[in-house]
Amino acid sequence: MPIDIERARRDTPGVEHVLHFNNAGSALPPKQVVDASIEHLQLEARIGGYEAAAEAHDKIERTYDAAAELIGAHRDEIALVENATVAWDMAFYSIPFEPGDRILTAMAEYGSNYIPYLQVARKHGVSVEVVPNDEHGQLSVEALQAMMDDRVKLISITHIPTNGGLVNPAAEIGRVAKDAGVLYLLDACQSVGQMPVNVDEIGCDLLSTTGRKFQRGPRGTGFLYVRREVLDQLEPPFLDMRGATWVAPDRYELRDDARRFENWENNYAAQIGLGVALDYALSWGIDAIWERIQVLAGDLRAKLDAIPGVTVRDLGEVKCGIVTFTIDGADLEEVKQQLAACKMNVTVSRPPSTRLDMEARGLDGVVRASVHYYNTEGEVERFAQAIEDLA
């Protein structure tokens, strides 16, 4: 069913105050999410934090079920963590790298992932190798296949890069990884909640994501998916009594599910809010959300592309709700500030976020506008007019 835009906007108080095209940074939460989080904080204030968590046990556990349902996983394959960086790091640093191992990644890989690659390369003698792009500007599956050998330990890519608008061919990459028996880590920070993501169809062994972006959850939330079949290959780099049990003075035992990647102390108000956000997304239907986002983003690209002096910088055979552009002769931070003065939210992506991609394209930055299903065609029109005025 198509999205009921009027109801979606009634549920989103923020749309009364801003034109929010920074959903790839942090989306506007629906009031149901805000209410659920505040309600739990108030419960903690009334009866105590531990007691509130016990009383809200079913709500907390529902978040695992909703996360699993959203990505086609089992609930025991889900770990709830503080953010996507923690999720990704816990997965990556649990892999037992050895000298001579190879990590294959993409041109548009995110800086917070690439830095750990370099750290592991320095510490363990691992090589980090970048798979070339194809003619669409996305990772070339053909080139990836040609680079495979028995020293490849990990294929690790960002599904939707932070800039450029493209959707990497995650499922095709997954087939290469499966055929080679190689671990596959997918940074799905920008894709889960925006588009259909099914871990079995994609074939990833590990997936990290955040709550604050297209899932419309609270900040400081995220989750990690760990495929059952690879769990015993991985020992988290950080353990406490949540992830393991101290069974003898000289011995501990890891949990037998993905919660070995969690730690003891949690923001349960935020986790409950995340569960509500995931259920809210599921109630609309991810297919309907994705269709709506693509329509709005396509309209925005077309309008920006028609403005003299504006260059749309998006790549990929499949494009998402992230729309990036530059304005001839304009200071990008100034563009962002001028839009903010008009109550229009965007952000600016710089080379440290995707250095290989930006340097290859000769870019020192792009304005990033990112739409969600609760945005409107009227907002796209207003935004394009504002950019035309600035240009």
Protein backbone atom coordinates (compact mmCIF):
# COMPACT_ATOMS: atom_id res chain seq x y z
CA MET A 1 0.00 0.00 0.00
CA PRO A 2 1.24 3.54 -0.70
CA ILE A 3 2.45 5.63 2.22
CA ASP A 4 -0.21 7.80 3.89
CA ILE A 5 1.89 10.97 3.87
CA GLU A 6 -0.55 13.00 5.95
CA ARG A 7 -0.54 10.41 8.74
CA ALA A 8 3.25 10.04 8.56
CA ARG A 9 3.64 13.78 8.99
CA ARG A 10 1.10 13.95 11.81
CA ASP A 11 3.25 11.36 13.58
CA THR A 12 6.38 13.47 13.01
CA PRO A 13 6.32 16.69 15.06
CA GLY A 14 9.58 17.92 13.58
CA VAL A 15 8.11 18.57 10.14
CA GLU A 16 6.28 21.56 11.59
CA HIS A 17 9.62 23.23 12.33
CA VAL A 18 12.12 22.22 9.62
CA LEU A 19 12.46 20.91 6.10
CA HIS A 20 14.59 17.94 7.04
CA PHE A 21 16.82 16.60 4.26
CA ASN A 22 19.43 15.18 6.64
CA ASN A 23 17.89 11.75 7.16
CA ALA A 24 21.18 10.04 6.31
CA GLY A 25 22.60 11.87 9.33
CA SER A 26 19.75 11.49 11.79
CA ALA A 27 16.10 11.28 10.77
CA LEU A 28 13.20 12.94 12.56
CA PRO A 29 11.71 10.35 14.93
CA PRO A 30 7.97 9.69 15.05
CA LYS A 31 6.23 10.72 18.26
CA GLN A 32 5.62 7.06 19.13
CA VAL A 33 9.39 6.57 19.49
CA VAL A 34 9.83 9.70 21.58
CA ASP A 35 6.91 8.78 23.84
CA ALA A 36 8.17 5.22 24.40
CA SER A 37 11.66 6.39 25.39
CA ILE A 38 10.39 9.12 27.70
CA GLU A 39 7.90 6.74 29.29
CA HIS A 40 10.70 4.36 30.24
CA LEU A 41 12.87 7.16 31.62
CA GLN A 42 9.95 8.23 33.78
CA LEU A 43 9.51 4.65 34.95
CA GLU A 44 13.19 4.54 35.93
CA ALA A 45 12.71 7.76 37.89
CA ARG A 46 9.71 6.30 39.73
CA ILE A 47 10.90 2.81 40.62
CA GLY A 48 14.63 2.55 39.78
CA GLY A 49 16.66 1.58 36.74
CA TYR A 50 17.08 -2.15 37.36
CA GLU A 51 13.47 -2.51 38.41
CA ALA A 52 12.27 -0.60 35.35
CA ALA A 53 14.29 -2.87 33.06
CA ALA A 54 12.73 -5.94 34.70
CA GLU A 55 9.24 -4.50 34.29
CA ALA A 56 9.93 -3.59 30.64
CA HIS A 57 11.49 -6.98 29.83
CA ASP A 58 9.04 -7.82 27.04
CA LYS A 59 9.46 -4.42 25.39
CA ILE A 60 13.24 -4.78 25.41
CA GLU A 61 13.05 -8.29 24.00
CA ARG A 62 10.68 -7.11 21.29
CA THR A 63 13.49 -4.98 19.88
CA TYR A 64 15.46 -8.16 19.06
CA ASP A 65 12.45 -9.62 17.27
CA ALA A 66 11.78 -6.42 15.31
CA ALA A 67 15.42 -6.11 14.24
CA ALA A 68 15.48 -9.74 13.13
CA GLU A 69 12.23 -9.33 11.21
CA LEU A 70 13.48 -6.19 9.48
CA ILE A 71 16.54 -7.93 7.99
CA GLY A 72 15.29 -11.53 7.69
CA ALA A 73 17.40 -12.91 10.54
CA HIS A 74 16.82 -14.98 13.69
CA ARG A 75 16.54 -13.19 17.03
CA ASP A 76 19.58 -15.05 18.42
CA GLU A 77 21.66 -13.52 15.58
CA ILE A 78 21.01 -9.95 16.84
CA ALA A 79 23.09 -7.93 19.30
CA LEU A 80 21.83 -4.53 20.46
CA VAL A 81 24.65 -2.02 20.85
CA GLU A 82 25.23 1.69 21.28
CA ASN A 83 25.72 2.62 17.64
CA ALA A 84 26.79 1.34 14.23
CA THR A 85 30.47 2.02 14.93
CA VAL A 86 30.40 -0.21 18.00
CA ALA A 87 28.53 -2.87 16.01
CA TRP A 88 31.00 -2.75 13.14
CA ASP A 89 34.10 -2.62 15.37
CA MET A 90 32.94 -5.50 17.54
CA ALA A 91 32.46 -7.60 14.41
CA PHE A 92 35.65 -6.56 12.63
CA TYR A 93 38.00 -6.85 15.60
CA SER A 94 36.61 -10.30 16.46
CA ILE A 95 38.07 -11.73 13.23
CA PRO A 96 41.35 -13.59 13.89
CA PHE A 97 43.60 -11.96 11.28
CA GLU A 98 47.02 -13.42 10.54
CA PRO A 99 50.04 -12.13 8.58
CA GLY A 100 49.44 -12.40 4.85
CA ASP A 101 45.65 -12.19 5.08
CA ARG A 102 43.93 -9.91 2.58
CA ILE A 103 40.99 -7.55 3.18
CA LEU A 104 39.06 -6.52 0.06
CA THR A 105 36.98 -3.36 0.19
CA ALA A 106 35.42 -0.70 -2.04
CA MET A 107 36.51 2.67 -3.43
CA ALA A 108 33.71 4.44 -1.55
CA GLU A 109 34.48 2.80 1.80
CA TYR A 110 33.71 4.87 4.89
CA GLY A 111 36.57 6.45 6.83
CA SER A 112 35.59 4.93 10.19
CA ASN A 113 35.94 1.48 8.59
CA TYR A 114 39.09 2.17 6.62
CA ILE A 115 41.01 3.38 9.67
CA PRO A 116 40.58 -0.01 11.41
CA TYR A 117 41.72 -1.75 8.21
CA LEU A 118 44.93 0.28 8.36
CA GLN A 119 45.36 -0.42 12.06
CA VAL A 120 44.99 -4.18 11.59
CA ALA A 121 47.31 -4.03 8.59
CA ARG A 122 49.99 -2.36 10.71
CA LYS A 123 49.56 -4.68 13.68
CA HIS A 124 49.08 -8.03 11.94
CA GLY A 125 50.72 -7.75 8.54
CA VAL A 126 47.40 -7.81 6.70
CA SER A 127 47.04 -6.20 3.27
CA VAL A 128 44.13 -3.89 2.47
CA GLU A 129 43.16 -3.91 -1.21
CA VAL A 130 40.58 -1.80 -2.98
CA VAL A 131 38.33 -3.34 -5.62
CA PRO A 132 37.97 -1.01 -8.64
CA ASN A 133 34.64 0.49 -9.61
CA ASP A 134 32.66 -0.56 -12.65
CA GLU A 135 31.30 1.80 -15.30
CA HIS A 136 28.47 2.86 -12.95
CA GLY A 137 30.83 3.97 -10.18
CA GLN A 138 29.96 1.05 -7.88
CA LEU A 139 32.13 -1.88 -6.82
CA SER A 140 32.93 -4.08 -9.82
CA VAL A 141 31.83 -7.63 -9.06
CA GLU A 142 33.87 -8.86 -12.01
CA ALA A 143 37.02 -7.22 -10.60
CA LEU A 144 36.26 -8.63 -7.15
CA GLN A 145 36.01 -12.12 -8.56
CA ALA A 146 39.35 -11.72 -10.30
CA MET A 147 41.00 -10.65 -7.03
CA MET A 148 39.88 -13.67 -5.01
CA ASP A 149 42.42 -16.21 -3.78
CA ASP A 150 42.99 -18.37 -0.69
CA ARG A 151 44.57 -15.46 1.21
CA VAL A 152 41.40 -13.33 1.18
CA LYS A 153 40.17 -13.36 4.79
CA LEU A 154 37.43 -10.76 4.54
CA ILE A 155 35.28 -8.88 2.06
CA SER A 156 34.08 -5.72 3.80
CA ILE A 157 32.06 -2.99 2.10
CA THR A 158 29.64 -0.20 2.81
CA HIS A 159 26.25 -1.01 1.26
CA ILE A 160 25.27 2.63 0.72
CA PRO A 161 28.27 4.98 1.01
CA THR A 162 27.93 8.20 2.96
CA ASN A 163 28.22 10.24 -0.24
CA GLY A 164 27.44 9.67 -3.89
CA GLY A 165 23.93 8.23 -3.80
CA LEU A 166 24.90 4.76 -4.98
CA VAL A 167 23.78 1.35 -3.71
CA ASN A 168 26.61 -1.19 -3.97
CA PRO A 169 25.63 -4.60 -5.43
CA ALA A 170 25.61 -6.33 -2.05
CA ALA A 171 23.91 -9.58 -3.10
CA GLU A 172 26.26 -10.12 -6.06
CA ILE A 173 29.21 -9.53 -3.73
CA GLY A 174 27.68 -12.04 -1.32
CA ARG A 175 27.64 -14.73 -3.98
CA VAL A 176 31.36 -14.22 -4.60
CA ALA A 177 32.06 -14.44 -0.87
CA LYS A 178 29.96 -17.58 -0.45
CA ASP A 179 31.58 -19.35 -3.40
CA ALA A 180 35.00 -18.63 -1.91
CA GLY A 181 34.03 -19.43 1.69
CA VAL A 182 35.17 -15.95 2.79
CA LEU A 183 33.70 -13.86 5.63
CA TYR A 184 31.55 -10.96 4.40
CA LEU A 185 30.98 -7.88 6.58
CA LEU A 186 28.37 -5.39 5.38
CA ASP A 187 28.12 -1.85 6.74
CA ALA A 188 24.38 -1.29 6.30
CA CYS A 189 24.26 1.96 8.26
CA GLN A 190 22.49 3.84 5.46
CA SER A 191 20.48 0.99 3.96
CA VAL A 192 18.53 -0.70 6.79
CA GLY A 193 15.25 1.18 7.16
CA GLN A 194 15.61 2.83 3.75
CA MET A 195 15.41 -0.19 1.45
CA PRO A 196 14.68 -3.93 1.70
CA VAL A 197 17.64 -5.70 3.31
CA ASN A 198 17.55 -9.48 3.71
CA VAL A 199 20.70 -11.09 5.08
CA ASP A 200 20.01 -14.43 3.43
CA GLU A 201 19.46 -12.88 0.02
CA ILE A 202 22.57 -10.71 0.43
CA GLY A 203 24.64 -13.53 1.89
CA CYS A 204 26.53 -11.43 4.44
CA ASP A 205 27.89 -13.08 7.58
CA LEU A 206 28.00 -9.86 9.59
CA LEU A 207 25.95 -6.68 9.30
CA SER A 208 26.11 -3.46 11.28
CA THR A 209 23.60 -0.64 11.37
CA THR A 210 22.42 2.34 13.39
CA GLY A 211 19.04 3.35 14.77
CA ARG A 212 19.21 7.08 14.21
CA LYS A 213 19.22 7.24 10.41
CA PHE A 214 16.56 5.75 8.16
CA GLN A 215 15.17 3.57 10.97
CA ARG A 216 14.08 6.82 12.73
CA GLY A 217 15.13 5.55 16.16
CA PRO A 218 16.92 7.37 18.99
CA ARG A 219 20.55 8.35 18.75
CA GLY A 220 22.89 6.04 20.62
CA THR A 221 21.27 2.86 19.30
CA GLY A 222 22.24 0.27 16.75
CA PHE A 223 22.46 -3.45 16.18
CA LEU A 224 24.79 -6.12 14.87
CA TYR A 225 23.79 -9.22 12.95
CA VAL A 226 26.01 -12.31 13.24
CA ARG A 227 25.14 -15.38 11.18
CA ARG A 228 24.75 -18.49 13.38
CA GLU A 229 27.17 -20.49 11.25
CA VAL A 230 30.11 -18.11 11.84
CA LEU A 231 29.52 -17.29 15.50
CA ASP A 232 32.03 -19.80 16.85
CA GLN A 233 34.77 -18.38 14.60
CA LEU A 234 34.52 -15.01 16.33
CA GLU A 235 35.51 -13.88 19.82
CA PRO A 236 34.59 -10.26 20.62
CA PRO A 237 37.53 -7.95 21.38
CA PHE A 238 35.71 -6.71 24.49
CA LEU A 239 34.01 -9.00 26.99
CA ASP A 240 32.21 -8.56 30.28
CA MET A 241 29.58 -10.51 32.17
CA ARG A 242 27.04 -9.85 29.43
CA GLY A 243 29.01 -11.60 26.70
CA ALA A 244 30.58 -14.33 28.80
CA THR A 245 30.22 -16.17 32.12
CA TRP A 246 33.09 -16.54 34.61
CA VAL A 247 32.76 -20.27 35.28
CA ALA A 248 36.03 -20.99 37.14
CA PRO A 249 38.89 -18.91 38.55
CA ASP A 250 40.87 -19.44 35.31
CA ARG A 251 38.10 -19.89 32.77
CA TYR A 252 35.15 -18.14 31.11
CA GLU A 253 32.55 -19.32 28.61
CA LEU A 254 31.17 -17.20 25.80
CA ARG A 255 27.46 -16.87 25.25
CA ASP A 256 26.15 -19.08 22.48
CA ASP A 257 24.30 -16.29 20.66
CA ALA A 258 25.05 -12.88 19.17
CA ARG A 259 24.62 -11.20 22.54
CA ARG A 260 28.23 -12.15 23.26
CA PHE A 261 28.91 -8.90 21.36
CA GLU A 262 26.92 -6.80 23.84
CA ASN A 263 28.05 -5.32 27.16
CA TRP A 264 26.31 -5.19 30.49
CA GLU A 265 25.17 -1.59 30.77
CA ASN A 266 22.54 -0.36 28.30
CA ASN A 267 20.32 2.63 27.67
CA TYR A 268 17.07 0.69 27.86
CA ALA A 269 14.92 3.75 27.19
CA ALA A 270 16.70 4.18 23.86
CA GLN A 271 16.56 0.44 23.08
CA ILE A 272 12.82 0.40 23.67
CA GLY A 273 12.52 3.45 21.43
CA LEU A 274 14.50 1.61 18.77
CA GLY A 275 12.10 -1.33 18.96
CA VAL A 276 9.15 0.99 18.51
CA ALA A 277 10.90 2.65 15.55
CA LEU A 278 11.52 -0.71 13.89
CA ASP A 279 7.92 -1.81 14.40
CA TYR A 280 6.78 1.54 13.05
CA ALA A 281 8.85 1.03 9.89
CA LEU A 282 7.54 -2.51 9.51
CA SER A 283 3.97 -1.22 9.82
CA TRP A 284 4.47 0.95 6.71
CA GLY A 285 6.29 -1.78 4.83
CA ILE A 286 9.91 -1.44 3.74
CA ASP A 287 9.00 -1.91 0.06
CA ALA A 288 6.61 1.05 0.27
CA ILE A 289 9.21 3.15 2.11
CA TRP A 290 11.86 2.37 -0.51
CA GLU A 291 9.52 3.16 -3.39
CA ARG A 292 8.57 6.50 -1.84
CA ILE A 293 12.21 7.45 -1.15
CA GLN A 294 13.27 6.65 -4.70
CA VAL A 295 10.46 8.80 -6.14
CA LEU A 296 11.39 11.79 -3.98
CA ALA A 297 15.13 11.41 -4.55
CA GLY A 298 14.65 11.03 -8.31
CA ASP A 299 12.54 14.17 -8.38
CA LEU A 300 15.15 16.07 -6.35
CA ARG A 301 18.02 14.95 -8.63
CA ALA A 302 16.10 15.99 -11.73
CA LYS A 303 15.29 19.42 -10.32
CA LEU A 304 18.86 20.06 -9.13
CA ASP A 305 20.30 18.81 -12.42
CA ALA A 306 18.24 21.42 -14.28
CA ILE A 307 19.74 24.35 -12.32
CA PRO A 308 22.67 26.09 -14.08
CA GLY A 309 25.82 25.93 -11.97
CA VAL A 310 24.65 22.91 -9.95
CA THR A 311 26.23 19.51 -10.54
CA VAL A 312 24.66 16.34 -9.13
CA ARG A 313 27.48 14.01 -8.01
CA ASP A 314 25.59 10.74 -7.52
CA LEU A 315 26.90 7.41 -8.81
CA GLY A 316 25.56 3.87 -9.15
CA GLU A 317 23.27 1.81 -11.29
CA VAL A 318 20.76 1.87 -8.40
CA LYS A 319 20.47 5.16 -6.55
CA CYS A 320 19.10 5.77 -3.07
CA GLY A 321 17.65 8.63 -1.03
CA ILE A 322 21.03 10.35 -0.66
CA VAL A 323 21.41 13.16 -3.21
CA THR A 324 24.79 14.91 -3.43
CA PHE A 325 25.72 18.00 -5.39
CA THR A 326 28.03 20.96 -5.70
CA ILE A 327 27.41 24.58 -6.73
CA ASP A 328 29.98 26.27 -8.94
CA GLY A 329 32.10 28.71 -6.93
CA ALA A 330 30.15 28.20 -3.71
CA ASP A 331 31.59 27.46 -0.28
CA LEU A 332 29.73 24.32 0.78
CA GLU A 333 29.65 25.12 4.48
CA GLU A 334 28.20 28.51 3.64
CA VAL A 335 25.53 26.80 1.53
CA LYS A 336 24.67 24.59 4.50
CA GLN A 337 24.43 27.60 6.82
CA GLN A 338 22.31 29.60 4.40
CA LEU A 339 19.91 26.69 4.07
CA ALA A 340 19.83 26.28 7.86
CA ALA A 341 18.83 29.95 8.15
CA CYS A 342 15.82 29.00 6.00
CA LYS A 343 15.11 26.03 8.31
CA MET A 344 16.34 23.51 5.73
CA ASN A 345 18.62 20.77 7.04
CA VAL A 346 21.43 19.23 4.96
CA THR A 347 25.03 18.29 5.67
CA VAL A 348 28.38 18.45 3.89
CA SER A 349 30.52 15.38 3.19
CA ARG A 350 34.29 15.87 3.08
CA PRO A 351 37.23 13.68 1.93
CA PRO A 352 38.02 12.17 5.37
CA SER A 353 34.66 10.36 5.17
CA THR A 354 35.35 8.70 1.79
CA ARG A 355 38.86 9.74 0.87
CA LEU A 356 39.52 7.27 -1.95
CA ASP A 357 36.28 8.10 -3.75
CA MET A 358 36.54 11.86 -3.32
CA GLU A 359 40.18 12.05 -4.36
CA ALA A 360 39.53 9.87 -7.42
CA ARG A 361 36.73 12.24 -8.47
CA GLY A 362 38.66 15.41 -7.64
CA LEU A 363 36.11 16.54 -5.05
CA ASP A 364 36.87 18.44 -1.86
CA GLY A 365 33.30 18.05 -0.67
CA VAL A 366 29.65 17.69 -1.60
CA VAL A 367 26.39 18.96 -0.17
CA ARG A 368 24.38 15.93 0.94
CA ALA A 369 20.59 16.09 0.96
CA SER A 370 18.81 12.91 2.03
CA VAL A 371 15.07 12.38 1.82
CA HIS A 372 12.71 10.05 3.69
CA TYR A 373 9.17 8.91 3.08
CA TYR A 374 7.64 11.59 5.30
CA ASN A 375 9.11 14.35 3.11
CA THR A 376 6.87 15.81 0.42
CA GLU A 377 7.01 16.83 -3.20
CA GLY A 378 6.37 20.38 -2.01
CA GLU A 379 9.49 20.26 0.15
CA VAL A 380 11.52 19.03 -2.84
CA GLU A 381 10.20 21.99 -4.86
CA ARG A 382 11.00 24.49 -2.08
CA PHE A 383 14.46 23.07 -1.60
CA ALA A 384 15.28 23.14 -5.31
CA GLN A 385 14.12 26.75 -5.47
CA ALA A 386 16.38 27.65 -2.55
CA ILE A 387 19.35 26.04 -4.30
CA GLU A 388 18.53 27.87 -7.52
CA ASP A 389 18.49 31.15 -5.60
CA LEU A 390 21.89 30.34 -4.05
CA ALA A 391 23.36 29.28 -7.39
